[in-house]
Amino acid sequence: MYLPRQFREDRTDVLHAAIRDYPMAQLVTFGTAGLEATPLPLLLDLSDSGGQGHLLGHVARANPQWKTTDQSVEALAIFSGPDGYVSPGWYETKRQTGKVVPTWNYVTIQVRGRISFFDDAAGLLDIVRRLTERHEDGRDAPWAVADAPADFIASQLRAIVGLRLEITEITGKWKMSQNRSEADRAGVIEGLRSEGNPGADAVAEAVATAMTED
């Protein structure tokens, strides 16, 4: 990933928080079928204090990726945070010189590591329970795996294969107008907030946060 210094995010707590907040990833592997990618939610597991942690999840058993993956080659999980178009009309520099062009602001995290797959019922049930608890947490009436009949859950588990990615590297890129002047960044925040949608608001908040951290 092309990573200019001003956009690099190295703080482990920030990277972990972004993975938890935006858990939907593209899992990219290489194998006998070449490059393959599957979108799926992943769970960050930091219980292994001897390393950088793991990503846990599952794919459909019918998905050939788990069979064709060369497990001796690092896998890549790509997470995407808030993103949005930035109009050059929002920059103070446009009014001063006109020397501006459009761009796109975004957050992305790339996680590399050694991947393995498993299909034991106990391991799969643990992953499904943990993913469910993570995303049902805070709901007024959270659904639990135990709410469904045990034989039904057993049949569903037979239709999936678990995956475990041992993290070897996490790279974060927060491209949030850090290369612009303070006046231009203020204009970006105002312009994004005027869009009137949650996605643009999230990018505006990220730009504002980046300004306070400079």
C-alpha atoms as a PDB file:
ATOM      1  CA  MET A   1       0.000   0.000   0.000  1.00  0.00           C
ATOM      2  CA  TYR A   2       1.307   3.430  -0.944  1.00  0.00           C
ATOM      3  CA  LEU A   3       1.715   5.179   2.396  1.00  0.00           C
ATOM      4  CA  PRO A   4       2.968   8.783   2.578  1.00  0.00           C
ATOM      5  CA  ARG A   5       4.266   9.618   6.050  1.00  0.00           C
ATOM      6  CA  GLN A   6       1.507  12.120   6.898  1.00  0.00           C
ATOM      7  CA  PHE A   7      -1.211   9.516   6.326  1.00  0.00           C
ATOM      8  CA  ARG A   8       0.409   6.670   8.267  1.00  0.00           C
ATOM      9  CA  GLU A   9      -1.322   5.429  11.427  1.00  0.00           C
ATOM     10  CA  ASP A  10       0.914   3.343  13.713  1.00  0.00           C
ATOM     11  CA  ARG A  11      -0.925   3.481  17.039  1.00  0.00           C
ATOM     12  CA  THR A  12      -1.969  -0.039  17.917  1.00  0.00           C
ATOM     13  CA  ASP A  13      -4.993   1.020  19.965  1.00  0.00           C
ATOM     14  CA  VAL A  14      -6.327   3.140  17.095  1.00  0.00           C
ATOM     15  CA  LEU A  15      -5.846   0.316  14.584  1.00  0.00           C
ATOM     16  CA  HIS A  16      -7.546  -2.217  16.853  1.00  0.00           C
ATOM     17  CA  ALA A  17     -10.448   0.146  17.518  1.00  0.00           C
ATOM     18  CA  ALA A  18     -10.976   0.672  13.781  1.00  0.00           C
ATOM     19  CA  ILE A  19     -11.037  -3.081  13.139  1.00  0.00           C
ATOM     20  CA  ARG A  20     -13.678  -3.461  15.855  1.00  0.00           C
ATOM     21  CA  ASP A  21     -15.720  -0.526  14.552  1.00  0.00           C
ATOM     22  CA  TYR A  22     -15.525  -1.613  10.899  1.00  0.00           C
ATOM     23  CA  PRO A  23     -15.253  -5.431  11.065  1.00  0.00           C
ATOM     24  CA  MET A  24     -16.317  -6.159   7.482  1.00  0.00           C
ATOM     25  CA  ALA A  25     -13.164  -7.116   5.581  1.00  0.00           C
ATOM     26  CA  GLN A  26     -12.027  -8.396   2.233  1.00  0.00           C
ATOM     27  CA  LEU A  27     -10.062 -11.595   2.870  1.00  0.00           C
ATOM     28  CA  VAL A  28      -7.509 -11.986   0.076  1.00  0.00           C
ATOM     29  CA  THR A  29      -5.553 -15.218  -0.407  1.00  0.00           C
ATOM     30  CA  PHE A  30      -3.376 -16.799  -3.064  1.00  0.00           C
ATOM     31  CA  GLY A  31      -3.522 -20.410  -4.134  1.00  0.00           C
ATOM     32  CA  THR A  32      -4.163 -22.833  -6.935  1.00  0.00           C
ATOM     33  CA  ALA A  33      -6.924 -20.611  -8.320  1.00  0.00           C
ATOM     34  CA  GLY A  34      -4.739 -17.503  -8.175  1.00  0.00           C
ATOM     35  CA  LEU A  35      -5.894 -14.546  -6.107  1.00  0.00           C
ATOM     36  CA  GLU A  36      -9.274 -14.913  -4.399  1.00  0.00           C
ATOM     37  CA  ALA A  37     -11.203 -12.494  -2.186  1.00  0.00           C
ATOM     38  CA  THR A  38     -14.206 -12.968   0.088  1.00  0.00           C
ATOM     39  CA  PRO A  39     -16.046 -10.227   2.006  1.00  0.00           C
ATOM     40  CA  LEU A  40     -16.748 -11.293   5.585  1.00  0.00           C
ATOM     41  CA  PRO A  41     -16.843  -9.932   9.149  1.00  0.00           C
ATOM     42  CA  LEU A  42     -13.783 -10.773  11.227  1.00  0.00           C
ATOM     43  CA  LEU A  43     -13.273 -10.798  14.976  1.00  0.00           C
ATOM     44  CA  LEU A  44     -10.075  -9.417  16.521  1.00  0.00           C
ATOM     45  CA  ASP A  45      -8.747 -11.776  19.199  1.00  0.00           C
ATOM     46  CA  LEU A  46      -5.920 -10.463  21.402  1.00  0.00           C
ATOM     47  CA  SER A  47      -5.967 -13.284  23.953  1.00  0.00           C
ATOM     48  CA  ASP A  48      -2.616 -14.632  22.745  1.00  0.00           C
ATOM     49  CA  SER A  49      -0.198 -12.276  24.494  1.00  0.00           C
ATOM     50  CA  GLY A  50       2.797 -13.830  22.743  1.00  0.00           C
ATOM     51  CA  GLY A  51       2.011 -12.253  19.381  1.00  0.00           C
ATOM     52  CA  GLN A  52      -0.006  -9.527  17.698  1.00  0.00           C
ATOM     53  CA  GLY A  53      -3.260 -11.432  18.015  1.00  0.00           C
ATOM     54  CA  HIS A  54      -5.511 -13.159  15.508  1.00  0.00           C
ATOM     55  CA  LEU A  55      -8.439 -12.528  13.220  1.00  0.00           C
ATOM     56  CA  LEU A  56     -11.202 -15.101  13.457  1.00  0.00           C
ATOM     57  CA  GLY A  57     -14.143 -15.789  11.176  1.00  0.00           C
ATOM     58  CA  HIS A  58     -15.755 -18.312   8.869  1.00  0.00           C
ATOM     59  CA  VAL A  59     -16.609 -18.857   5.232  1.00  0.00           C
ATOM     60  CA  ALA A  60     -19.244 -20.976   3.558  1.00  0.00           C
ATOM     61  CA  ARG A  61     -18.112 -24.572   3.086  1.00  0.00           C
ATOM     62  CA  ALA A  62     -19.253 -24.216  -0.536  1.00  0.00           C
ATOM     63  CA  ASN A  63     -16.768 -21.349  -1.001  1.00  0.00           C
ATOM     64  CA  PRO A  64     -13.715 -22.938  -2.686  1.00  0.00           C
ATOM     65  CA  GLN A  65     -11.321 -20.352  -1.259  1.00  0.00           C
ATOM     66  CA  TRP A  66     -10.599 -22.387   1.870  1.00  0.00           C
ATOM     67  CA  LYS A  67      -9.619 -25.385  -0.248  1.00  0.00           C
ATOM     68  CA  THR A  68      -7.505 -23.591  -2.844  1.00  0.00           C
ATOM     69  CA  THR A  69      -5.579 -21.254  -0.494  1.00  0.00           C
ATOM     70  CA  ASP A  70      -1.842 -21.848  -0.241  1.00  0.00           C
ATOM     71  CA  GLN A  71      -1.430 -21.598   3.532  1.00  0.00           C
ATOM     72  CA  SER A  72       2.333 -21.120   3.197  1.00  0.00           C
ATOM     73  CA  VAL A  73       1.659 -17.693   1.617  1.00  0.00           C
ATOM     74  CA  GLU A  74       0.562 -14.763   3.791  1.00  0.00           C
ATOM     75  CA  ALA A  75      -3.118 -13.836   3.614  1.00  0.00           C
ATOM     76  CA  LEU A  76      -4.355 -10.239   3.577  1.00  0.00           C
ATOM     77  CA  ALA A  77      -7.447  -8.833   5.286  1.00  0.00           C
ATOM     78  CA  ILE A  78      -8.452  -5.326   4.178  1.00  0.00           C
ATOM     79  CA  PHE A  79     -10.735  -3.274   6.422  1.00  0.00           C
ATOM     80  CA  SER A  80     -12.327  -0.009   5.252  1.00  0.00           C
ATOM     81  CA  GLY A  81     -13.386   2.810   7.559  1.00  0.00           C
ATOM     82  CA  PRO A  82     -15.199   6.033   6.686  1.00  0.00           C
ATOM     83  CA  ASP A  83     -14.556   7.475   3.240  1.00  0.00           C
ATOM     84  CA  GLY A  84     -15.875  10.221   1.039  1.00  0.00           C
ATOM     85  CA  TYR A  85     -15.333  12.511  -1.914  1.00  0.00           C
ATOM     86  CA  VAL A  86     -13.666  15.877  -1.238  1.00  0.00           C
ATOM     87  CA  SER A  87     -14.676  18.726  -3.539  1.00  0.00           C
ATOM     88  CA  PRO A  88     -11.964  21.263  -4.413  1.00  0.00           C
ATOM     89  CA  GLY A  89     -14.661  23.903  -4.013  1.00  0.00           C
ATOM     90  CA  TRP A  90     -14.370  23.488  -0.252  1.00  0.00           C
ATOM     91  CA  TYR A  91     -10.748  24.640  -0.122  1.00  0.00           C
ATOM     92  CA  GLU A  92      -9.717  28.164   0.798  1.00  0.00           C
ATOM     93  CA  THR A  93      -6.895  27.630  -1.699  1.00  0.00           C
ATOM     94  CA  LYS A  94      -9.458  27.524  -4.524  1.00  0.00           C
ATOM     95  CA  ARG A  95     -10.418  31.108  -3.743  1.00  0.00           C
ATOM     96  CA  GLN A  96      -6.794  32.162  -3.432  1.00  0.00           C
ATOM     97  CA  THR A  97      -5.119  30.505  -6.432  1.00  0.00           C
ATOM     98  CA  GLY A  98      -7.548  28.085  -8.084  1.00  0.00           C
ATOM     99  CA  LYS A  99      -4.788  25.447  -8.019  1.00  0.00           C
ATOM    100  CA  VAL A 100      -6.813  22.599  -6.550  1.00  0.00           C
ATOM    101  CA  VAL A 101      -8.204  19.247  -7.675  1.00  0.00           C
ATOM    102  CA  PRO A 102     -10.699  16.729  -6.248  1.00  0.00           C
ATOM    103  CA  THR A 103      -9.592  13.919  -3.985  1.00  0.00           C
ATOM    104  CA  TRP A 104     -10.990  11.162  -1.769  1.00  0.00           C
ATOM    105  CA  ASN A 105     -10.525  10.856   1.984  1.00  0.00           C
ATOM    106  CA  TYR A 106     -10.563   7.394   3.539  1.00  0.00           C
ATOM    107  CA  VAL A 107      -9.460   5.055   6.293  1.00  0.00           C
ATOM    108  CA  THR A 108      -8.067   1.620   5.504  1.00  0.00           C
ATOM    109  CA  ILE A 109      -6.334  -1.057   7.565  1.00  0.00           C
ATOM    110  CA  GLN A 110      -4.416  -3.933   6.014  1.00  0.00           C
ATOM    111  CA  VAL A 111      -3.691  -6.987   8.144  1.00  0.00           C
ATOM    112  CA  ARG A 112      -1.253  -9.648   6.968  1.00  0.00           C
ATOM    113  CA  GLY A 113      -0.674 -13.038   8.519  1.00  0.00           C
ATOM    114  CA  ARG A 114      -0.598 -16.788   8.340  1.00  0.00           C
ATOM    115  CA  ILE A 115      -4.000 -18.314   7.727  1.00  0.00           C
ATOM    116  CA  SER A 116      -5.397 -21.687   8.689  1.00  0.00           C
ATOM    117  CA  PHE A 117      -8.826 -23.277   8.389  1.00  0.00           C
ATOM    118  CA  PHE A 118     -10.724 -25.644  10.683  1.00  0.00           C
ATOM    119  CA  ASP A 119     -14.075 -27.376  10.763  1.00  0.00           C
ATOM    120  CA  ASP A 120     -14.410 -28.960  14.215  1.00  0.00           C
ATOM    121  CA  ALA A 121     -17.879 -28.335  15.643  1.00  0.00           C
ATOM    122  CA  ALA A 122     -16.654 -26.959  18.986  1.00  0.00           C
ATOM    123  CA  GLY A 123     -14.327 -24.452  17.340  1.00  0.00           C
ATOM    124  CA  LEU A 124     -16.966 -23.312  14.877  1.00  0.00           C
ATOM    125  CA  LEU A 125     -19.578 -22.901  17.601  1.00  0.00           C
ATOM    126  CA  ASP A 126     -17.160 -20.784  19.623  1.00  0.00           C
ATOM    127  CA  ILE A 127     -16.524 -18.470  16.644  1.00  0.00           C
ATOM    128  CA  VAL A 128     -20.225 -18.124  15.829  1.00  0.00           C
ATOM    129  CA  ARG A 129     -21.072 -17.385  19.460  1.00  0.00           C
ATOM    130  CA  ARG A 130     -18.328 -14.781  19.806  1.00  0.00           C
ATOM    131  CA  LEU A 131     -19.217 -13.029  16.562  1.00  0.00           C
ATOM    132  CA  THR A 132     -22.877 -13.001  17.551  1.00  0.00           C
ATOM    133  CA  GLU A 133     -22.203 -11.653  21.044  1.00  0.00           C
ATOM    134  CA  ARG A 134     -19.943  -8.947  19.597  1.00  0.00           C
ATOM    135  CA  HIS A 135     -22.595  -7.630  17.217  1.00  0.00           C
ATOM    136  CA  GLU A 136     -25.662  -8.200  19.397  1.00  0.00           C
ATOM    137  CA  ASP A 137     -24.076  -6.391  22.344  1.00  0.00           C
ATOM    138  CA  GLY A 138     -26.025  -3.312  23.392  1.00  0.00           C
ATOM    139  CA  ARG A 139     -29.292  -4.264  21.692  1.00  0.00           C
ATOM    140  CA  ASP A 140     -32.499  -4.099  23.710  1.00  0.00           C
ATOM    141  CA  ALA A 141     -33.224  -7.764  23.076  1.00  0.00           C
ATOM    142  CA  PRO A 142     -29.956  -9.367  21.908  1.00  0.00           C
ATOM    143  CA  TRP A 143     -30.259 -12.587  19.970  1.00  0.00           C
ATOM    144  CA  ALA A 144     -28.138 -15.498  21.194  1.00  0.00           C
ATOM    145  CA  VAL A 145     -27.102 -18.671  19.407  1.00  0.00           C
ATOM    146  CA  ALA A 146     -28.893 -20.627  22.138  1.00  0.00           C
ATOM    147  CA  ASP A 147     -32.180 -19.010  21.030  1.00  0.00           C
ATOM    148  CA  ALA A 148     -32.227 -21.328  17.991  1.00  0.00           C
ATOM    149  CA  PRO A 149     -32.819 -25.098  18.210  1.00  0.00           C
ATOM    150  CA  ALA A 150     -29.590 -27.020  18.842  1.00  0.00           C
ATOM    151  CA  ASP A 151     -30.098 -29.359  15.879  1.00  0.00           C
ATOM    152  CA  PHE A 152     -30.636 -26.380  13.580  1.00  0.00           C
ATOM    153  CA  ILE A 153     -27.409 -24.722  14.778  1.00  0.00           C
ATOM    154  CA  ALA A 154     -25.563 -28.021  14.296  1.00  0.00           C
ATOM    155  CA  SER A 155     -26.755 -28.194  10.692  1.00  0.00           C
ATOM    156  CA  GLN A 156     -25.667 -24.592  10.085  1.00  0.00           C
ATOM    157  CA  LEU A 157     -22.208 -25.294  11.495  1.00  0.00           C
ATOM    158  CA  ARG A 158     -21.761 -28.128   9.019  1.00  0.00           C
ATOM    159  CA  ALA A 159     -22.203 -25.566   6.226  1.00  0.00           C
ATOM    160  CA  ILE A 160     -19.252 -23.370   7.252  1.00  0.00           C
ATOM    161  CA  VAL A 161     -15.488 -23.591   7.711  1.00  0.00           C
ATOM    162  CA  GLY A 162     -13.658 -21.544  10.328  1.00  0.00           C
ATOM    163  CA  LEU A 163     -10.552 -19.475   9.714  1.00  0.00           C
ATOM    164  CA  ARG A 164      -7.794 -18.148  11.921  1.00  0.00           C
ATOM    165  CA  LEU A 165      -5.331 -15.534  10.695  1.00  0.00           C
ATOM    166  CA  GLU A 166      -2.259 -15.124  12.914  1.00  0.00           C
ATOM    167  CA  ILE A 167      -1.383 -11.439  12.597  1.00  0.00           C
ATOM    168  CA  THR A 168       2.172 -10.615  11.548  1.00  0.00           C
ATOM    169  CA  GLU A 169       1.648  -7.016  10.416  1.00  0.00           C
ATOM    170  CA  ILE A 170      -0.995  -4.287  10.665  1.00  0.00           C
ATOM    171  CA  THR A 171      -0.744  -1.198   8.461  1.00  0.00           C
ATOM    172  CA  GLY A 172      -3.101   1.750   8.801  1.00  0.00           C
ATOM    173  CA  LYS A 173      -3.720   4.651   6.454  1.00  0.00           C
ATOM    174  CA  TRP A 174      -5.815   7.642   7.525  1.00  0.00           C
ATOM    175  CA  LYS A 175      -5.972   9.950   4.494  1.00  0.00           C
ATOM    176  CA  MET A 176      -7.861  12.841   6.055  1.00  0.00           C
ATOM    177  CA  SER A 177      -6.566  16.015   4.375  1.00  0.00           C
ATOM    178  CA  GLN A 178      -3.420  16.144   6.549  1.00  0.00           C
ATOM    179  CA  ASN A 179      -1.529  17.481   3.509  1.00  0.00           C
ATOM    180  CA  ARG A 180      -3.772  20.569   3.277  1.00  0.00           C
ATOM    181  CA  SER A 181      -3.583  23.880   5.129  1.00  0.00           C
ATOM    182  CA  GLU A 182      -5.638  24.421   8.265  1.00  0.00           C
ATOM    183  CA  ALA A 183      -8.009  26.697   6.331  1.00  0.00           C
ATOM    184  CA  ASP A 184      -8.508  24.064   3.625  1.00  0.00           C
ATOM    185  CA  ARG A 185      -9.159  21.381   6.227  1.00  0.00           C
ATOM    186  CA  ALA A 186     -11.716  23.572   7.956  1.00  0.00           C
ATOM    187  CA  GLY A 187     -13.424  23.980   4.595  1.00  0.00           C
ATOM    188  CA  VAL A 188     -13.421  20.205   4.068  1.00  0.00           C
ATOM    189  CA  ILE A 189     -15.078  19.669   7.455  1.00  0.00           C
ATOM    190  CA  GLU A 190     -17.744  22.289   6.715  1.00  0.00           C
ATOM    191  CA  GLY A 191     -18.349  20.913   3.228  1.00  0.00           C
ATOM    192  CA  LEU A 192     -18.680  17.327   4.388  1.00  0.00           C
ATOM    193  CA  ARG A 193     -21.092  18.265   7.165  1.00  0.00           C
ATOM    194  CA  SER A 194     -23.220  20.135   4.659  1.00  0.00           C
ATOM    195  CA  GLU A 195     -23.715  16.918   2.680  1.00  0.00           C
ATOM    196  CA  GLY A 196     -26.228  15.777   5.265  1.00  0.00           C
ATOM    197  CA  ASN A 197     -25.465  12.076   5.411  1.00  0.00           C
ATOM    198  CA  PRO A 198     -23.883   9.865   8.103  1.00  0.00           C
ATOM    199  CA  GLY A 199     -20.998   8.765   5.867  1.00  0.00           C
ATOM    200  CA  ALA A 200     -19.871  12.325   5.171  1.00  0.00           C
ATOM    201  CA  ASP A 201     -20.331  13.217   8.832  1.00  0.00           C
ATOM    202  CA  ALA A 202     -18.019  10.357   9.823  1.00  0.00           C
ATOM    203  CA  VAL A 203     -15.324  11.599   7.431  1.00  0.00           C
ATOM    204  CA  ALA A 204     -15.731  15.151   8.745  1.00  0.00           C
ATOM    205  CA  GLU A 205     -15.229  13.879  12.278  1.00  0.00           C
ATOM    206  CA  ALA A 206     -12.093  11.991  11.211  1.00  0.00           C
ATOM    207  CA  VAL A 207     -10.674  15.128   9.544  1.00  0.00           C
ATOM    208  CA  ALA A 208     -11.408  17.141  12.688  1.00  0.00           C
ATOM    209  CA  THR A 209      -9.718  14.508  14.864  1.00  0.00           C
ATOM    210  CA  ALA A 210      -6.660  14.482  12.613  1.00  0.00           C
ATOM    211  CA  MET A 211      -6.405  18.289  12.943  1.00  0.00           C
ATOM    212  CA  THR A 212      -6.337  18.097  16.743  1.00  0.00           C
ATOM    213  CA  GLU A 213      -3.615  15.428  16.651  1.00  0.00           C
ATOM    214  CA  ASP A 214      -1.179  17.366  14.456  1.00  0.00           C
END
